[in-house]
Protein backbone atom coordinates (compact mmCIF):
# COMPACT_ATOMS: atom_id res chain seq x y z
CA MET A 1 -5.59 21.67 45.14
CA PRO A 2 -9.02 20.84 46.51
CA GLN A 3 -11.80 23.69 47.40
CA PRO A 4 -11.88 24.56 51.09
CA LEU A 5 -13.93 21.98 53.24
CA LYS A 6 -17.20 23.95 54.03
CA ILE A 7 -18.49 23.05 57.50
CA ALA A 8 -21.85 24.28 58.64
CA VAL A 9 -21.73 24.53 62.38
CA ILE A 10 -24.79 24.00 64.54
CA ALA A 11 -23.72 24.28 68.25
CA GLY A 12 -27.42 23.86 69.62
CA ASP A 13 -28.42 24.18 73.16
CA GLY A 14 -26.95 23.62 76.54
CA ILE A 15 -23.46 22.30 76.56
CA GLY A 16 -23.34 22.28 72.58
CA PRO A 17 -21.49 25.29 72.23
CA GLU A 18 -18.76 24.60 74.87
CA VAL A 19 -18.09 20.95 73.28
CA VAL A 20 -18.47 22.26 69.57
CA GLY A 21 -15.97 25.28 70.70
CA ALA A 22 -13.40 22.99 72.02
CA SER A 23 -13.46 20.74 68.85
CA LEU A 24 -13.12 23.55 66.60
CA GLU A 25 -10.07 24.52 68.49
CA VAL A 26 -8.64 20.93 67.74
CA LEU A 27 -9.43 21.36 64.02
CA LYS A 28 -7.67 25.01 64.09
CA LYS A 29 -4.54 23.31 65.12
CA VAL A 30 -4.64 19.98 62.95
CA ALA A 31 -5.65 21.73 59.79
CA PRO A 32 -2.48 23.52 58.98
CA ALA A 33 -0.24 20.36 59.81
CA CYS A 34 -2.34 18.17 57.06
CA GLY A 35 -2.71 20.73 54.32
CA LEU A 36 -6.38 21.28 55.34
CA THR A 37 -8.28 24.29 54.07
CA TYR A 38 -11.86 24.94 55.68
CA GLU A 39 -14.36 27.35 56.33
CA THR A 40 -16.99 27.26 59.06
CA THR A 41 -20.39 29.02 58.90
CA ASP A 42 -22.53 29.03 62.48
CA PHE A 43 -26.30 28.52 62.32
CA PRO A 44 -28.63 29.02 65.37
CA PHE A 45 -31.05 26.14 65.14
CA SER A 46 -31.94 24.89 68.34
CA ALA A 47 -34.66 24.75 71.00
CA ALA A 48 -33.55 28.09 72.35
CA HIS A 49 -33.68 29.51 68.96
CA PHE A 50 -37.02 28.15 68.26
CA LEU A 51 -38.43 29.44 71.97
CA ALA A 52 -36.94 32.80 71.01
CA THR A 53 -38.24 33.30 67.58
CA GLY A 54 -40.85 30.58 66.60
CA HIS A 55 -38.23 29.33 63.89
CA VAL A 56 -37.43 25.45 63.76
CA LEU A 57 -35.73 24.77 60.03
CA SER A 58 -37.36 26.00 56.83
CA ASP A 59 -36.95 24.59 53.65
CA ALA A 60 -35.05 27.58 52.72
CA ASP A 61 -32.53 26.60 55.57
CA ILE A 62 -32.25 23.07 54.31
CA ALA A 63 -31.36 24.66 50.82
CA THR A 64 -28.64 26.75 52.39
CA LEU A 65 -27.49 23.74 54.19
CA ARG A 66 -27.18 21.65 51.07
CA GLY A 67 -24.29 23.98 49.90
CA PHE A 68 -22.08 22.43 52.45
CA ASP A 69 -19.72 19.83 52.46
CA ALA A 70 -20.65 18.48 56.17
CA ILE A 71 -22.56 19.79 59.16
CA LEU A 72 -21.24 19.56 62.81
CA LEU A 73 -23.76 19.39 65.43
CA GLY A 74 -23.43 20.03 69.17
CA ALA A 75 -26.80 18.93 70.83
CA VAL A 76 -30.29 20.16 70.55
CA GLY A 77 -33.24 20.14 73.04
CA GLY A 78 -32.96 19.02 76.50
CA LEU A 79 -34.33 22.46 77.97
CA PRO A 80 -36.71 22.62 80.97
CA ASN A 81 -40.30 21.61 80.07
CA ASP A 82 -42.01 24.12 78.00
CA PRO A 83 -45.57 23.38 76.25
CA ARG A 84 -44.07 24.80 73.15
CA LEU A 85 -41.62 21.99 72.69
CA ALA A 86 -44.18 19.30 73.27
CA GLY A 87 -44.52 16.44 70.55
CA GLY A 88 -40.84 16.24 69.61
CA VAL A 89 -41.01 19.79 67.77
CA ILE A 90 -37.07 19.96 67.90
CA GLU A 91 -36.07 16.36 67.27
CA LYS A 92 -38.66 16.34 64.44
CA GLY A 93 -38.20 19.90 63.03
CA ILE A 94 -34.35 19.62 63.20
CA LEU A 95 -32.57 16.17 63.62
CA LEU A 96 -35.35 14.26 61.58
CA LYS A 97 -35.88 16.84 59.06
CA LEU A 98 -32.21 17.19 58.27
CA ARG A 99 -31.77 13.22 58.05
CA PHE A 100 -34.67 12.84 55.95
CA GLU A 101 -34.60 15.92 53.64
CA LEU A 102 -30.79 15.63 53.20
CA ASP A 103 -31.09 11.95 52.52
CA GLN A 104 -28.74 10.91 54.99
CA TYR A 105 -29.35 7.30 54.83
CA ILE A 106 -26.73 5.77 56.86
CA ASN A 107 -26.15 6.47 60.55
CA LEU A 108 -22.56 5.31 61.39
CA ARG A 109 -21.78 4.29 65.03
CA PRO A 110 -18.31 3.04 65.79
CA VAL A 111 -18.30 1.11 69.21
CA SER A 112 -14.53 0.86 70.37
CA LEU A 113 -12.93 0.73 73.89
CA TYR A 114 -10.40 3.32 73.84
CA PRO A 115 -7.20 3.30 76.12
CA GLY A 116 -8.05 4.03 79.62
CA ILE A 117 -11.77 4.18 79.38
CA GLU A 118 -13.26 1.37 81.40
CA THR A 119 -16.18 -0.87 80.26
CA PRO A 120 -18.87 -2.26 82.71
CA LEU A 121 -18.43 -5.76 80.83
CA LYS A 122 -16.03 -8.12 83.13
CA ASN A 123 -13.10 -9.22 81.83
CA LYS A 124 -13.51 -7.66 78.19
CA THR A 125 -10.85 -5.71 76.58
CA ALA A 126 -10.24 -3.34 73.74
CA ALA A 127 -9.68 -6.38 71.53
CA ASP A 128 -13.11 -7.66 72.36
CA ILE A 129 -14.93 -4.30 71.84
CA ASP A 130 -14.21 -3.01 68.29
CA PHE A 131 -17.25 -3.12 65.79
CA VAL A 132 -19.27 -0.61 63.66
CA CYS A 133 -22.84 -0.26 63.53
CA VAL A 134 -24.19 0.38 60.25
CA ARG A 135 -28.04 1.77 60.95
CA GLU A 136 -30.35 2.57 58.02
CA ASN A 137 -31.41 6.22 58.90
CA THR A 138 -34.56 7.09 56.71
CA GLU A 139 -37.04 4.31 56.86
CA ASP A 140 -38.64 2.10 59.26
CA LEU A 141 -40.91 3.40 62.18
CA TYR A 142 -39.56 6.56 61.87
CA CYS A 143 -41.30 7.65 58.75
CA GLY A 144 -44.10 8.69 60.65
CA VAL A 145 -46.69 6.40 58.76
CA GLY A 146 -49.42 5.89 61.30
CA GLY A 147 -52.00 7.67 63.19
CA PHE A 148 -55.03 7.54 65.67
CA VAL A 149 -58.50 6.65 65.78
CA ARG A 150 -60.85 8.08 68.60
CA LYS A 151 -57.93 9.71 70.23
CA GLY A 152 -58.60 10.63 73.66
CA THR A 153 -61.55 8.13 74.15
CA SER A 154 -61.67 4.50 75.80
CA GLN A 155 -61.66 3.01 72.14
CA GLU A 156 -58.61 4.92 71.24
CA ILE A 157 -56.37 3.24 68.35
CA ALA A 158 -52.93 4.13 67.59
CA SER A 159 -50.69 2.76 64.70
CA GLN A 160 -47.35 3.05 63.80
CA THR A 161 -46.03 1.33 60.45
CA MET A 162 -42.41 -0.29 59.75
CA ILE A 163 -41.49 0.64 56.38
CA ALA A 164 -38.91 -1.18 54.25
CA THR A 165 -38.43 -0.41 50.71
CA ARG A 166 -36.31 -2.66 48.61
CA PHE A 167 -34.43 0.43 47.38
CA GLY A 168 -33.58 1.61 50.88
CA VAL A 169 -32.83 -1.77 52.54
CA GLU A 170 -30.49 -2.65 49.48
CA ARG A 171 -28.57 0.64 49.57
CA CYS A 172 -27.89 0.45 53.11
CA ILE A 173 -26.72 -3.32 53.00
CA ARG A 174 -24.37 -2.65 50.10
CA TYR A 175 -22.91 0.45 52.09
CA ALA A 176 -22.28 -2.20 55.24
CA PHE A 177 -20.82 -5.05 52.90
CA ASP A 178 -18.43 -2.18 51.36
CA LEU A 179 -17.55 -1.14 54.69
CA ALA A 180 -16.84 -4.71 56.05
CA LYS A 181 -14.64 -5.31 52.89
CA THR A 182 -12.33 -2.54 54.37
CA ARG A 183 -11.78 -4.12 57.76
CA ALA A 184 -9.42 -6.91 59.00
CA ARG A 185 -11.99 -9.54 59.73
CA LYS A 186 -14.37 -8.79 56.89
CA HIS A 187 -17.48 -9.93 58.82
CA LEU A 188 -20.79 -8.56 58.64
CA THR A 189 -24.02 -9.51 60.62
CA LEU A 190 -27.51 -8.48 59.89
CA VAL A 191 -29.74 -7.75 62.91
CA HIS A 192 -33.57 -7.92 62.74
CA LYS A 193 -36.48 -9.71 63.83
CA THR A 194 -37.36 -11.97 60.95
CA ASN A 195 -39.31 -14.53 63.15
CA VAL A 196 -42.00 -11.95 63.90
CA LEU A 197 -41.59 -9.02 61.53
CA THR A 198 -42.17 -11.38 58.81
CA PHE A 199 -42.95 -8.73 55.99
CA ALA A 200 -40.15 -6.05 56.82
CA GLY A 201 -37.90 -8.59 57.99
CA ASP A 202 -38.36 -10.70 54.98
CA THR A 203 -37.41 -7.92 52.56
CA TRP A 204 -34.06 -7.17 54.59
CA HIS A 205 -33.12 -10.94 54.99
CA ARG A 206 -33.80 -11.75 51.27
CA ALA A 207 -31.73 -8.56 50.17
CA PHE A 208 -28.93 -9.40 52.67
CA GLN A 209 -28.54 -13.13 51.22
CA GLU A 210 -28.81 -11.88 47.53
CA ILE A 211 -26.20 -9.21 47.72
CA ALA A 212 -23.78 -11.23 49.95
CA VAL A 213 -23.36 -13.37 46.54
CA GLU A 214 -21.42 -10.49 45.41
CA TYR A 215 -18.93 -10.19 48.28
CA ASP A 216 -17.42 -13.61 48.40
CA ASP A 217 -14.45 -12.09 50.53
CA VAL A 218 -16.90 -11.02 53.27
CA THR A 219 -18.28 -13.65 55.74
CA THR A 220 -21.86 -13.05 57.09
CA ALA A 221 -24.32 -14.01 59.89
CA TYR A 222 -27.81 -13.36 61.08
CA HIS A 223 -29.19 -12.29 64.85
CA HIS A 224 -32.48 -11.69 65.93
CA VAL A 225 -32.22 -8.10 67.75
CA ASP A 226 -32.79 -9.64 71.24
CA ALA A 227 -29.73 -12.18 70.59
CA CYS A 228 -27.73 -9.21 69.51
CA CYS A 229 -28.47 -7.32 72.83
CA MET A 230 -27.15 -10.48 74.71
CA PHE A 231 -24.10 -10.85 72.63
CA MET A 232 -23.14 -7.26 72.84
CA VAL A 233 -23.14 -7.52 76.80
CA THR A 234 -21.61 -10.99 76.90
CA LYS A 235 -19.44 -11.64 73.80
CA PRO A 236 -19.14 -8.45 71.70
CA GLU A 237 -15.94 -9.95 70.01
CA VAL A 238 -18.37 -11.86 67.61
CA TYR A 239 -19.00 -8.47 65.92
CA ASP A 240 -17.30 -6.60 63.23
CA VAL A 241 -19.75 -4.65 61.40
CA ILE A 242 -23.51 -4.72 61.95
CA VAL A 243 -26.19 -3.63 59.58
CA VAL A 244 -29.67 -2.90 61.26
CA PRO A 245 -32.93 -1.01 60.34
CA ASN A 246 -33.58 2.28 62.11
CA MET A 247 -35.64 1.46 65.15
CA PHE A 248 -33.47 -1.49 66.26
CA GLY A 249 -30.30 0.42 65.60
CA ASP A 250 -31.62 3.28 67.74
CA ILE A 251 -31.55 0.89 70.70
CA ILE A 252 -28.24 -1.19 70.12
CA THR A 253 -25.91 1.62 69.32
CA ASP A 254 -26.87 3.11 72.55
CA LEU A 255 -26.16 -0.20 74.16
CA GLY A 256 -22.87 -0.17 72.18
CA ALA A 257 -22.07 3.26 73.58
CA ALA A 258 -22.53 1.82 77.07
CA ILE A 259 -20.39 -1.07 76.73
CA ALA A 260 -17.79 1.56 75.24
CA GLY A 261 -17.70 3.59 78.26
CA GLY A 262 -20.96 5.73 78.02
CA MET A 263 -22.46 8.58 76.01
CA GLY A 264 -19.53 10.76 76.55
CA ILE A 265 -17.35 8.82 74.20
CA ALA A 266 -19.77 7.94 71.49
CA SER A 267 -19.45 9.60 68.32
CA SER A 268 -21.85 9.25 65.20
CA GLY A 269 -22.25 10.35 61.63
CA ASN A 270 -25.42 10.70 59.67
CA LEU A 271 -24.03 10.04 55.90
CA ASN A 272 -25.00 10.49 52.27
CA PRO A 273 -22.64 8.37 50.81
CA ASP A 274 -23.36 9.39 47.53
CA GLY A 275 -21.91 12.84 48.13
CA VAL A 276 -25.13 14.81 46.88
CA ALA A 277 -25.89 16.37 50.28
CA PRO A 278 -23.82 17.01 53.38
CA GLY A 279 -23.36 14.59 56.04
CA MET A 280 -24.29 15.60 59.66
CA PHE A 281 -21.83 14.30 62.56
CA GLU A 282 -22.76 14.55 66.18
CA PRO A 283 -21.89 13.17 69.71
CA VAL A 284 -24.43 10.82 70.88
CA HIS A 285 -24.96 12.67 74.46
CA GLY A 286 -27.67 15.22 74.98
CA SER A 287 -27.52 19.03 75.81
CA ALA A 288 -26.96 18.41 79.77
CA PRO A 289 -28.46 21.96 80.51
CA ASP A 290 -27.67 21.39 84.44
CA ILE A 291 -23.83 21.82 83.59
CA ALA A 292 -23.94 24.29 80.62
CA GLY A 293 -21.74 26.94 80.73
CA LYS A 294 -19.75 25.80 83.67
CA ASN A 295 -16.60 24.23 81.53
CA GLN A 296 -17.55 21.05 83.07
CA ALA A 297 -18.72 19.10 79.88
CA ASN A 298 -16.39 16.55 78.27
CA PRO A 299 -15.80 17.33 74.57
CA ILE A 300 -14.25 13.99 73.63
CA ALA A 301 -17.31 12.55 72.00
CA THR A 302 -17.68 15.79 69.86
CA ILE A 303 -13.85 15.98 68.87
CA ASP A 304 -14.31 12.45 67.89
CA SER A 305 -17.31 13.17 65.80
CA LEU A 306 -15.30 16.07 64.14
CA GLY A 307 -12.48 13.36 63.48
CA LEU A 308 -15.13 11.23 61.99
CA LEU A 309 -16.77 13.97 59.82
CA LEU A 310 -13.15 14.65 58.29
CA ARG A 311 -12.46 11.07 57.47
CA GLU A 312 -15.87 10.19 56.11
CA THR A 313 -16.32 13.63 54.25
CA GLY A 314 -12.88 13.38 52.88
CA ARG A 315 -13.36 9.97 51.27
CA ILE A 316 -16.39 11.01 49.63
CA HIS A 317 -15.09 13.96 48.23
CA ALA A 318 -11.82 12.62 47.67
CA ASN A 319 -10.17 15.20 50.07
CA ALA A 320 -6.76 13.38 51.24
CA ALA A 321 -5.99 16.36 53.51
CA ALA A 322 -9.48 15.97 55.15
CA VAL A 323 -8.93 12.27 55.61
CA LYS A 324 -5.39 12.84 57.06
CA ALA A 325 -6.68 15.44 59.70
CA GLY A 326 -9.34 12.92 60.92
CA GLU A 327 -7.15 10.24 61.28
CA ARG A 328 -4.67 12.38 63.22
CA ILE A 329 -7.78 13.56 65.34
CA GLY A 330 -8.83 9.90 65.82
CA GLN A 331 -5.19 9.01 67.23
CA ALA A 332 -4.89 12.42 69.31
CA VAL A 333 -8.23 11.03 71.05
CA ARG A 334 -6.78 7.78 71.92
CA ALA A 335 -3.62 9.37 73.05
CA ALA A 336 -5.55 11.46 75.44
CA THR A 337 -8.38 8.99 76.85
CA PRO A 338 -5.68 7.50 79.28
CA ARG A 339 -5.90 10.66 81.50
CA PHE A 340 -9.45 9.34 82.17
CA ALA A 341 -8.40 6.08 83.67
CA GLY A 342 -10.08 5.34 86.75
CA LYS A 343 -12.23 8.35 86.31
CA SER A 344 -15.81 9.10 85.25
CA LEU A 345 -16.02 10.76 81.83
CA ASP A 346 -18.59 12.98 83.33
CA ARG A 347 -16.99 13.62 86.53
CA SER A 348 -13.25 13.84 85.52
CA GLY A 349 -12.37 17.00 87.24
CA LEU A 350 -10.97 18.12 84.12
CA GLY A 351 -12.71 21.34 82.27
CA THR A 352 -14.02 21.65 78.90
CA ASP A 353 -11.21 23.79 77.72
CA GLU A 354 -8.49 21.60 79.64
CA ILE A 355 -9.79 18.15 78.00
CA GLY A 356 -9.78 20.01 74.50
CA GLN A 357 -6.31 21.27 75.07
CA ILE A 358 -5.03 17.73 76.06
CA VAL A 359 -6.13 16.37 72.48
CA ALA A 360 -4.78 19.47 70.77
CA ASP A 361 -1.30 18.69 72.57
CA ALA A 362 -1.56 15.15 71.65
CA LEU A 363 -1.77 15.95 67.77
């Protein structure tokens, strides 16, 4: 019998504790039905915690988190302006530090139009909007390579370097090919800007072409990122799996969330597919401090992220009960979303607890 699944919970700021609380209620109900045993441990890391204590995320904290199978994150940041939060202290000190230190080199963003959810795209249906973005998560422009010369003067120079290592590029592309093999269409599209970014883009394109030879059952395509944006809003049905570097992936995955109904429905996972460190799973939306504590936040994206956590962590650690529980949650979310037909996800009139109960009842 597998050991209990150990989940670190970082509820975070604003609506984070509410949406995480609703998701854990769903976990509490689905686990016994699937034979899943689990343990959760709460951690206080957040903007509010930093403002109160001066503590962000230390190396010792990272070492502690390494002992878990997965991390469930609510939302951090988004608090009223405070000079102590300037310079991305929370984003860099918590989110990016976790991704880099735990080598969560895959950002997985499913883009699916759920029943009852409206898309802003005319005449597009769930059959048209059903793809997955595999975003490289630890390189590119987010490595922080760069700096200033003569900062604050009229001759100021700022530089930011796009990093693409063959090692990092190849492991991301291989993950995307392996994922494409498991899907019905078995199609993979590389997205970059190789006509302008002729160095980093060339590394990506050559690696993609060379690895493709090993996957003769997967068909492939290449799109410039600007063309990808156009296709996503005109012909999203061309995509099955997309593999994309970090910066471009940050942009197109949010566009994907928009065409699938908005940030309120978007889940994500930051994965270490090798299983040597926990993945971190989170809703794409922010902390929404204006509605915090009012039982107004929609927890669907967090519940769906929990389902993703269980499925992906279960596969990595060969925990069939976790996979089954994750699949059940995914099915329950799809059964619940018709309740939002004709309504805004953010203005549904249903409370956080009520929506969580609707999903729990659908299990």
